[in-house]
Amino acid sequence: MKKSHTLQRRVVFLGLIVLWFAAGIGILPVRAQEAPVWKIHDPQRPQPRVVTPAPQAAMAAPPPGAIILFDGSDLSGWCDENGEAATWTVQDGAMVRGPRGGDVFTERAFGDIQLHLEWSSPLPASGQGQGRGNSGVFLMGLYEVQILDSFQNATYPDGQAAALYGQHPPLANACRAPGEWQTYDIVFRRPRFQPDGRLAAPACVTVIHNGILVQDAAEFWGPTMWLQHLPYANHPDRLPLSLQDHGNPVRFRNIWARELRETNETGPMRSDSTPVIFLTPQALERYIGIYKFSPSSKSSFDIVSDGKQLTCIFGEERARVDLVPHSTTRFSLRWTAAHIDFMLNDDEEGRATAMTFNVAGSAFTIKRVE
């Protein structure tokens, strides 16, 4: 036994030497997304290898139960950044940027989702690098999977088609030729935040481009931004998807989504199945104010906004709970089973005059005093 243990130790020691030597000369495989730290848009970063995807196929029907975001007929369910009617147009069953431009957003908000969309860069191809067939799909409006005509078009690796823009290049360049339809199948898990706003887990995404795996549970370092690495900041659990207007007439079709059951480290979380809507900063202003049982009451429910979401501040300890909009009148309290129903004026501004607080089977109405 002693000789056997000695031999095992020698084998392990020799193995460690081999591993150390192999790592030193760079022949060991590197796990996906664990490349050395590169500067943003570094042109010296290794280019993804080019692979040939299967030829484009006829548009496949969405699965039963999918949420249809665009079926080629109209832009219902989409809006501009101000919540107004989308400015893009529908041409031959495809969505394309309109003369006024601007990004477009889904009226419905999403967290963890499976997303399918098809896109086509302009034909004939025009421009080069980032100026050729450039757009993007922003998950939660913050985390971009790049859209670009990367067919025989050189650019920085972290800006190619299917890159997590400015962060992770795709594992392969699977682009079809300009004018052909490309498919993205995306599985996205939103970031998790603790009740005090600190990051609990980063957002991650798996992307299949034209049937080729190009992002394998890659983690976002934070929201994507040109020339910047932005840190995570606490935000709602559900936000709209958006498509970027980068000035190129990229076409989109067959966009659908499936909401995924959300989980945490200890097991499944009960997810609210009620759809969440998107409200612009201007729309949120109608609810801001101080609400009391009576004007002389010492306790109050203060509704405030940071421009992205409403927060209710209440109680002696001034607890803060974010509000999740399900309609223009009903909001749930994030992380709780309680909800608030607002009563709105019938005038043009439609400002809130009172709210009914519903919790544990009880309901009480609180009037707005300021």
Protein backbone atom coordinates (compact mmCIF):
# COMPACT_ATOMS: atom_id res chain seq x y z
CA MET A 1 0.00 0.00 0.00
CA LYS A 2 2.83 2.42 0.83
CA LYS A 3 4.44 1.86 -2.58
CA SER A 4 1.05 2.31 -4.23
CA HIS A 5 0.48 5.66 -2.50
CA THR A 6 3.97 6.85 -3.38
CA LEU A 7 3.39 5.94 -7.02
CA GLN A 8 0.06 7.77 -7.02
CA ARG A 9 1.68 10.90 -5.61
CA ARG A 10 4.39 10.74 -8.27
CA VAL A 11 1.77 10.38 -11.02
CA VAL A 12 -0.20 13.34 -9.65
CA PHE A 13 2.98 15.43 -9.36
CA LEU A 14 4.02 14.61 -12.92
CA GLY A 15 0.48 15.37 -14.06
CA LEU A 16 0.62 18.80 -12.42
CA ILE A 17 3.93 19.52 -14.17
CA VAL A 18 2.38 18.56 -17.52
CA LEU A 19 -0.65 20.76 -16.87
CA TRP A 20 1.56 23.68 -15.83
CA PHE A 21 3.70 23.28 -18.96
CA ALA A 22 0.67 22.92 -21.23
CA ALA A 23 -0.92 26.03 -19.78
CA GLY A 24 2.33 27.93 -20.23
CA ILE A 25 2.48 27.23 -23.95
CA GLY A 26 -1.26 27.73 -24.44
CA ILE A 27 -2.41 24.28 -25.57
CA LEU A 28 -5.03 23.74 -22.87
CA PRO A 29 -8.62 24.40 -23.91
CA VAL A 30 -10.25 27.50 -22.48
CA ARG A 31 -13.85 27.36 -21.29
CA ALA A 32 -16.35 29.41 -23.25
CA GLN A 33 -16.40 33.09 -22.22
CA GLU A 34 -13.24 32.73 -20.10
CA ALA A 35 -10.85 34.39 -22.54
CA PRO A 36 -8.27 36.85 -21.18
CA VAL A 37 -9.54 40.28 -20.27
CA TRP A 38 -9.53 42.38 -23.42
CA LYS A 39 -10.14 46.06 -23.85
CA ILE A 40 -13.55 46.98 -25.24
CA HIS A 41 -13.65 46.65 -29.05
CA ASP A 42 -10.01 45.50 -29.17
CA PRO A 43 -9.27 44.69 -32.85
CA GLN A 44 -6.45 42.36 -31.72
CA ARG A 45 -8.89 40.08 -29.98
CA PRO A 46 -9.13 36.70 -31.76
CA GLN A 47 -11.83 36.60 -34.40
CA PRO A 48 -14.55 33.93 -34.04
CA ARG A 49 -14.09 31.14 -36.55
CA VAL A 50 -16.43 31.20 -39.51
CA VAL A 51 -18.90 28.32 -39.77
CA THR A 52 -21.40 27.62 -42.52
CA PRO A 53 -24.96 27.32 -41.22
CA ALA A 54 -27.69 25.37 -42.94
CA PRO A 55 -29.40 27.20 -45.82
CA GLN A 56 -32.25 29.49 -44.83
CA ALA A 57 -35.54 27.67 -44.48
CA ALA A 58 -39.17 28.65 -44.67
CA MET A 59 -40.46 30.54 -41.67
CA ALA A 60 -41.50 28.08 -38.97
CA ALA A 61 -44.73 28.59 -37.03
CA PRO A 62 -44.42 29.60 -33.36
CA PRO A 63 -45.11 26.83 -30.82
CA PRO A 64 -48.53 26.62 -29.18
CA GLY A 65 -48.84 29.00 -26.26
CA ALA A 66 -46.11 31.36 -27.44
CA ILE A 67 -46.60 35.10 -26.99
CA ILE A 68 -46.72 36.49 -30.53
CA LEU A 69 -44.83 39.78 -30.63
CA PHE A 70 -44.85 40.26 -34.41
CA ASP A 71 -46.64 38.09 -36.95
CA GLY A 72 -46.05 40.25 -40.02
CA SER A 73 -49.41 42.00 -40.01
CA ASP A 74 -49.11 45.12 -37.83
CA LEU A 75 -47.17 46.74 -34.98
CA SER A 76 -49.75 46.25 -32.25
CA GLY A 77 -47.92 45.54 -29.01
CA TRP A 78 -44.99 47.83 -29.93
CA CYS A 79 -44.33 51.46 -29.04
CA ASP A 80 -41.62 54.11 -29.13
CA GLU A 81 -39.55 55.17 -26.13
CA ASN A 82 -42.32 57.53 -25.00
CA GLY A 83 -45.01 54.86 -25.07
CA GLU A 84 -46.55 56.29 -28.24
CA ALA A 85 -47.35 54.33 -31.40
CA ALA A 86 -44.30 52.64 -32.93
CA THR A 87 -42.76 54.66 -35.76
CA TRP A 88 -41.52 51.66 -37.77
CA THR A 89 -43.41 50.28 -40.76
CA VAL A 90 -44.53 46.88 -42.03
CA GLN A 91 -43.34 45.94 -45.52
CA ASP A 92 -44.04 42.54 -47.11
CA GLY A 93 -44.63 40.94 -43.73
CA ALA A 94 -41.49 42.36 -42.14
CA MET A 95 -40.92 45.11 -39.59
CA VAL A 96 -38.44 47.80 -40.69
CA ARG A 97 -37.41 51.21 -39.31
CA GLY A 98 -39.62 54.05 -40.45
CA PRO A 99 -38.71 57.51 -41.74
CA ARG A 100 -38.72 59.01 -38.22
CA GLY A 101 -36.51 56.24 -36.85
CA GLY A 102 -35.99 55.54 -33.16
CA ASP A 103 -35.85 52.29 -31.22
CA VAL A 104 -39.06 50.30 -30.72
CA PHE A 105 -40.18 48.59 -27.52
CA THR A 106 -42.66 45.89 -26.59
CA GLU A 107 -45.60 47.14 -24.57
CA ARG A 108 -45.35 43.98 -22.51
CA ALA A 109 -42.48 43.57 -20.06
CA PHE A 110 -40.44 40.38 -19.64
CA GLY A 111 -37.93 38.79 -17.28
CA ASP A 112 -36.74 35.23 -17.93
CA ILE A 113 -37.72 34.31 -21.48
CA GLN A 114 -37.12 32.17 -24.52
CA LEU A 115 -37.11 34.53 -27.50
CA HIS A 116 -37.20 33.77 -31.22
CA LEU A 117 -36.72 36.38 -33.91
CA GLU A 118 -35.63 36.44 -37.52
CA TRP A 119 -33.76 39.30 -39.16
CA SER A 120 -32.31 40.16 -42.53
CA SER A 121 -29.61 42.70 -43.37
CA PRO A 122 -30.01 44.93 -46.45
CA LEU A 123 -29.28 43.65 -49.96
CA PRO A 124 -27.22 44.88 -51.70
CA ALA A 125 -24.86 45.25 -48.76
CA SER A 126 -23.84 48.80 -48.03
CA GLY A 127 -21.10 50.10 -45.78
CA GLN A 128 -18.54 48.17 -43.79
CA GLY A 129 -17.74 47.20 -40.23
CA GLN A 130 -20.31 48.54 -37.78
CA GLY A 131 -21.99 50.50 -40.57
CA ARG A 132 -23.31 47.42 -42.33
CA GLY A 133 -26.66 45.92 -41.30
CA ASN A 134 -26.36 47.15 -37.71
CA SER A 135 -29.14 46.75 -35.16
CA GLY A 136 -29.58 44.89 -31.91
CA VAL A 137 -32.08 43.14 -29.67
CA PHE A 138 -32.02 44.51 -26.12
CA LEU A 139 -33.24 42.09 -23.47
CA MET A 140 -35.04 44.10 -20.79
CA GLY A 141 -34.00 47.11 -22.86
CA LEU A 142 -30.54 46.88 -21.26
CA TYR A 143 -28.64 43.78 -22.36
CA GLU A 144 -27.83 43.68 -26.07
CA VAL A 145 -27.34 40.77 -28.40
CA GLN A 146 -25.77 42.45 -31.42
CA ILE A 147 -27.29 42.29 -34.90
CA LEU A 148 -24.84 42.96 -37.73
CA ASP A 149 -24.10 41.80 -41.24
CA SER A 150 -20.97 39.82 -40.32
CA PHE A 151 -20.85 37.92 -43.62
CA GLN A 152 -17.38 38.63 -45.00
CA ASN A 153 -17.39 41.90 -43.05
CA ALA A 154 -14.52 42.53 -40.63
CA THR A 155 -15.12 44.38 -37.38
CA TYR A 156 -14.05 44.12 -33.75
CA PRO A 157 -15.00 40.67 -32.36
CA ASP A 158 -17.17 41.91 -29.49
CA GLY A 159 -19.33 43.81 -31.99
CA GLN A 160 -20.06 40.99 -34.43
CA ALA A 161 -23.43 39.41 -35.00
CA ALA A 162 -24.58 37.52 -31.87
CA ALA A 163 -21.96 39.21 -29.66
CA LEU A 164 -22.96 40.42 -26.23
CA TYR A 165 -22.06 43.88 -27.37
CA GLY A 166 -18.75 45.14 -26.01
CA GLN A 167 -18.42 42.10 -23.75
CA HIS A 168 -18.37 38.60 -25.28
CA PRO A 169 -17.75 37.80 -28.96
CA PRO A 170 -19.79 34.93 -30.39
CA LEU A 171 -18.21 31.48 -30.22
CA ALA A 172 -18.53 31.33 -34.03
CA ASN A 173 -19.48 33.56 -36.95
CA ALA A 174 -22.60 31.83 -38.27
CA CYS A 175 -23.89 34.62 -40.51
CA ARG A 176 -25.68 33.96 -43.76
CA ALA A 177 -25.25 36.26 -46.75
CA PRO A 178 -26.92 39.70 -46.87
CA GLY A 179 -30.60 39.57 -47.75
CA GLU A 180 -31.05 36.04 -46.36
CA TRP A 181 -33.08 35.45 -43.23
CA GLN A 182 -31.11 34.85 -40.02
CA THR A 183 -32.59 33.27 -36.90
CA TYR A 184 -31.82 34.00 -33.27
CA ASP A 185 -33.07 31.64 -30.57
CA ILE A 186 -32.29 33.17 -27.21
CA VAL A 187 -32.70 31.88 -23.66
CA PHE A 188 -32.30 34.75 -21.21
CA ARG A 189 -32.16 34.72 -17.44
CA ARG A 190 -32.51 38.15 -15.90
CA PRO A 191 -30.20 39.40 -13.15
CA ARG A 192 -31.28 38.80 -9.57
CA PHE A 193 -31.11 41.56 -6.99
CA GLN A 194 -31.34 41.31 -3.24
CA PRO A 195 -34.05 43.33 -1.46
CA ASP A 196 -31.44 45.97 -0.56
CA GLY A 197 -30.57 46.40 -4.25
CA ARG A 198 -27.27 44.54 -4.31
CA LEU A 199 -26.62 42.12 -7.17
CA ALA A 200 -27.32 38.50 -6.25
CA ALA A 201 -26.70 36.92 -9.68
CA PRO A 202 -25.82 38.43 -13.08
CA ALA A 203 -27.93 38.12 -16.21
CA CYS A 204 -26.94 35.28 -18.51
CA VAL A 205 -27.90 34.25 -22.02
CA THR A 206 -27.65 31.35 -24.43
CA VAL A 207 -27.88 32.24 -28.13
CA ILE A 208 -28.31 29.93 -31.11
CA HIS A 209 -27.66 31.71 -34.41
CA ASN A 210 -28.89 29.90 -37.52
CA GLY A 211 -28.84 26.63 -35.59
CA ILE A 212 -25.28 27.17 -34.27
CA LEU A 213 -24.55 27.66 -30.55
CA VAL A 214 -22.77 31.01 -30.30
CA GLN A 215 -23.28 32.04 -26.65
CA ASP A 216 -23.24 29.31 -24.01
CA ALA A 217 -24.82 30.58 -20.77
CA ALA A 218 -22.66 33.70 -21.08
CA GLU A 219 -22.89 36.16 -18.22
CA PHE A 220 -23.41 39.86 -18.87
CA TRP A 221 -20.97 42.05 -16.94
CA GLY A 222 -23.73 44.64 -16.69
CA PRO A 223 -25.86 46.64 -19.14
CA THR A 224 -24.26 46.93 -22.56
CA MET A 225 -23.10 50.32 -23.79
CA TRP A 226 -20.79 51.66 -26.49
CA LEU A 227 -17.23 52.08 -25.15
CA GLN A 228 -18.31 51.46 -21.56
CA HIS A 229 -18.63 48.70 -19.00
CA LEU A 230 -21.57 49.74 -16.88
CA PRO A 231 -22.12 48.25 -13.42
CA TYR A 232 -25.36 46.56 -12.50
CA ALA A 233 -27.99 48.79 -10.90
CA ASN A 234 -31.15 47.48 -9.27
CA HIS A 235 -34.08 47.52 -11.69
CA PRO A 236 -37.53 45.92 -12.06
CA ASP A 237 -37.79 42.16 -12.55
CA ARG A 238 -39.55 42.69 -15.87
CA LEU A 239 -38.85 45.29 -18.55
CA PRO A 240 -39.71 45.62 -22.25
CA LEU A 241 -37.68 44.13 -25.07
CA SER A 242 -36.40 46.62 -27.65
CA LEU A 243 -35.05 46.59 -31.19
CA GLN A 244 -32.38 49.12 -32.02
CA ASP A 245 -32.50 51.69 -34.79
CA HIS A 246 -28.87 52.11 -35.84
CA GLY A 247 -29.73 53.79 -39.12
CA ASN A 248 -29.69 50.62 -41.24
CA PRO A 249 -32.92 49.18 -42.72
CA VAL A 250 -32.63 45.77 -41.06
CA ARG A 251 -35.85 43.76 -41.40
CA PHE A 252 -37.49 41.62 -38.71
CA ARG A 253 -40.15 38.91 -38.80
CA ASN A 254 -41.59 36.01 -36.79
CA ILE A 255 -40.90 37.36 -33.30
CA TRP A 256 -42.32 35.36 -30.40
CA ALA A 257 -41.50 34.66 -26.78
CA ARG A 258 -42.18 32.17 -24.01
CA GLU A 259 -41.97 33.27 -20.41
CA LEU A 260 -39.82 30.86 -18.41
CA ARG A 261 -40.43 29.63 -14.92
CA GLU A 262 -38.11 31.55 -12.66
CA THR A 263 -35.91 29.71 -10.18
CA ASN A 264 -33.39 30.54 -7.49
CA GLU A 265 -30.61 28.59 -5.84
CA THR A 266 -32.91 26.86 -3.36
CA GLY A 267 -35.67 25.80 -5.73
CA PRO A 268 -38.54 27.13 -7.80
CA MET A 269 -39.94 30.59 -7.13
CA ARG A 270 -43.63 31.19 -7.60
CA SER A 271 -43.78 33.53 -10.57
CA ASP A 272 -46.56 36.06 -11.08
CA SER A 273 -48.35 34.97 -14.23
CA THR A 274 -50.12 38.32 -14.68
CA PRO A 275 -48.65 40.24 -17.64
CA VAL A 276 -46.53 43.26 -16.77
CA ILE A 277 -46.82 46.43 -18.84
CA PHE A 278 -44.34 49.20 -19.61
CA LEU A 279 -45.06 52.74 -18.39
CA THR A 280 -42.97 55.70 -19.53
CA PRO A 281 -41.45 58.14 -17.03
CA GLN A 282 -44.14 60.65 -18.04
CA ALA A 283 -46.90 58.11 -17.33
CA LEU A 284 -45.42 57.29 -13.92
CA GLU A 285 -45.76 60.91 -12.83
CA ARG A 286 -49.54 60.61 -12.51
CA TYR A 287 -49.17 58.36 -9.43
CA ILE A 288 -46.47 60.32 -7.55
CA GLY A 289 -47.70 61.86 -4.31
CA ILE A 290 -48.42 61.45 -0.61
CA TYR A 291 -51.42 59.32 0.38
CA LYS A 292 -53.02 59.36 3.86
CA PHE A 293 -56.07 57.95 5.62
CA SER A 294 -56.91 61.56 6.55
CA PRO A 295 -55.13 64.89 6.03
CA SER A 296 -54.19 64.99 9.74
CA SER A 297 -52.89 61.43 9.86
CA LYS A 298 -49.24 61.10 10.91
CA SER A 299 -48.62 57.98 8.83
CA SER A 300 -48.47 58.19 5.06
CA PHE A 301 -47.86 56.13 1.95
CA ASP A 302 -45.47 58.02 -0.32
CA ILE A 303 -45.35 57.07 -3.98
CA VAL A 304 -42.07 58.12 -5.63
CA SER A 305 -40.43 57.37 -8.97
CA ASP A 306 -36.87 57.10 -10.23
CA GLY A 307 -38.06 57.39 -13.84
CA LYS A 308 -38.09 53.60 -14.33
CA GLN A 309 -40.45 52.35 -11.65
CA LEU A 310 -42.63 53.44 -8.77
CA THR A 311 -41.72 52.80 -5.15
CA CYS A 312 -44.05 52.91 -2.15
CA ILE A 313 -42.53 54.22 1.10
CA PHE A 314 -44.60 53.53 4.21
CA GLY A 315 -44.64 52.67 7.91
CA GLU A 316 -42.71 54.09 10.85
CA GLU A 317 -39.49 52.60 9.52
CA ARG A 318 -40.23 54.02 6.05
CA ALA A 319 -40.00 50.68 4.31
CA ARG A 320 -39.51 50.83 0.55
CA VAL A 321 -41.22 48.39 -1.84
CA ASP A 322 -41.09 48.65 -5.64
CA LEU A 323 -44.39 48.56 -7.53
CA VAL A 324 -44.87 46.36 -10.61
CA PRO A 325 -47.44 47.65 -13.15
CA HIS A 326 -49.98 45.16 -14.49
CA SER A 327 -52.33 47.83 -15.84
CA THR A 328 -52.68 51.61 -15.57
CA THR A 329 -54.54 51.11 -12.29
CA ARG A 330 -53.22 47.89 -10.72
CA PHE A 331 -49.69 47.44 -9.34
CA SER A 332 -48.34 44.54 -7.32
CA LEU A 333 -45.77 45.01 -4.57
CA ARG A 334 -42.51 43.40 -5.62
CA TRP A 335 -41.71 40.25 -3.62
CA THR A 336 -45.09 40.29 -1.87
CA ALA A 337 -48.63 39.04 -2.47
CA ALA A 338 -50.09 42.51 -1.89
CA HIS A 339 -51.27 44.89 -4.59
CA ILE A 340 -52.46 48.47 -5.02
CA ASP A 341 -55.38 49.70 -7.12
CA PHE A 342 -55.14 53.37 -8.08
CA MET A 343 -58.19 55.54 -8.76
CA LEU A 344 -57.50 57.98 -11.60
CA ASN A 345 -59.16 61.22 -12.60
CA ASP A 346 -61.25 61.23 -15.76
CA ASP A 347 -59.52 64.36 -17.07
CA GLU A 348 -56.78 64.42 -19.70
CA GLU A 349 -53.93 64.07 -17.21
CA GLY A 350 -55.61 61.15 -15.43
CA ARG A 351 -53.75 61.76 -12.17
CA ALA A 352 -54.29 59.42 -9.23
CA THR A 353 -56.68 60.64 -6.52
CA ALA A 354 -56.57 57.65 -4.18
CA MET A 355 -55.39 54.08 -3.89
CA THR A 356 -56.74 50.90 -2.37
CA PHE A 357 -54.15 48.81 -0.56
CA ASN A 358 -54.92 45.07 -0.73
CA VAL A 359 -53.05 42.65 1.51
CA ALA A 360 -53.89 39.29 3.13
CA GLY A 361 -57.55 39.52 2.17
CA SER A 362 -58.02 43.01 3.60
CA ALA A 363 -58.39 46.25 1.63
CA PHE A 364 -58.29 49.85 2.74
CA THR A 365 -58.49 53.04 0.70
CA ILE A 366 -56.03 55.92 1.14
CA LYS A 367 -56.59 59.34 -0.39
CA ARG A 368 -53.96 61.46 -2.05
CA VAL A 369 -53.27 64.66 -0.09
CA GLU A 370 -50.27 66.07 -1.98
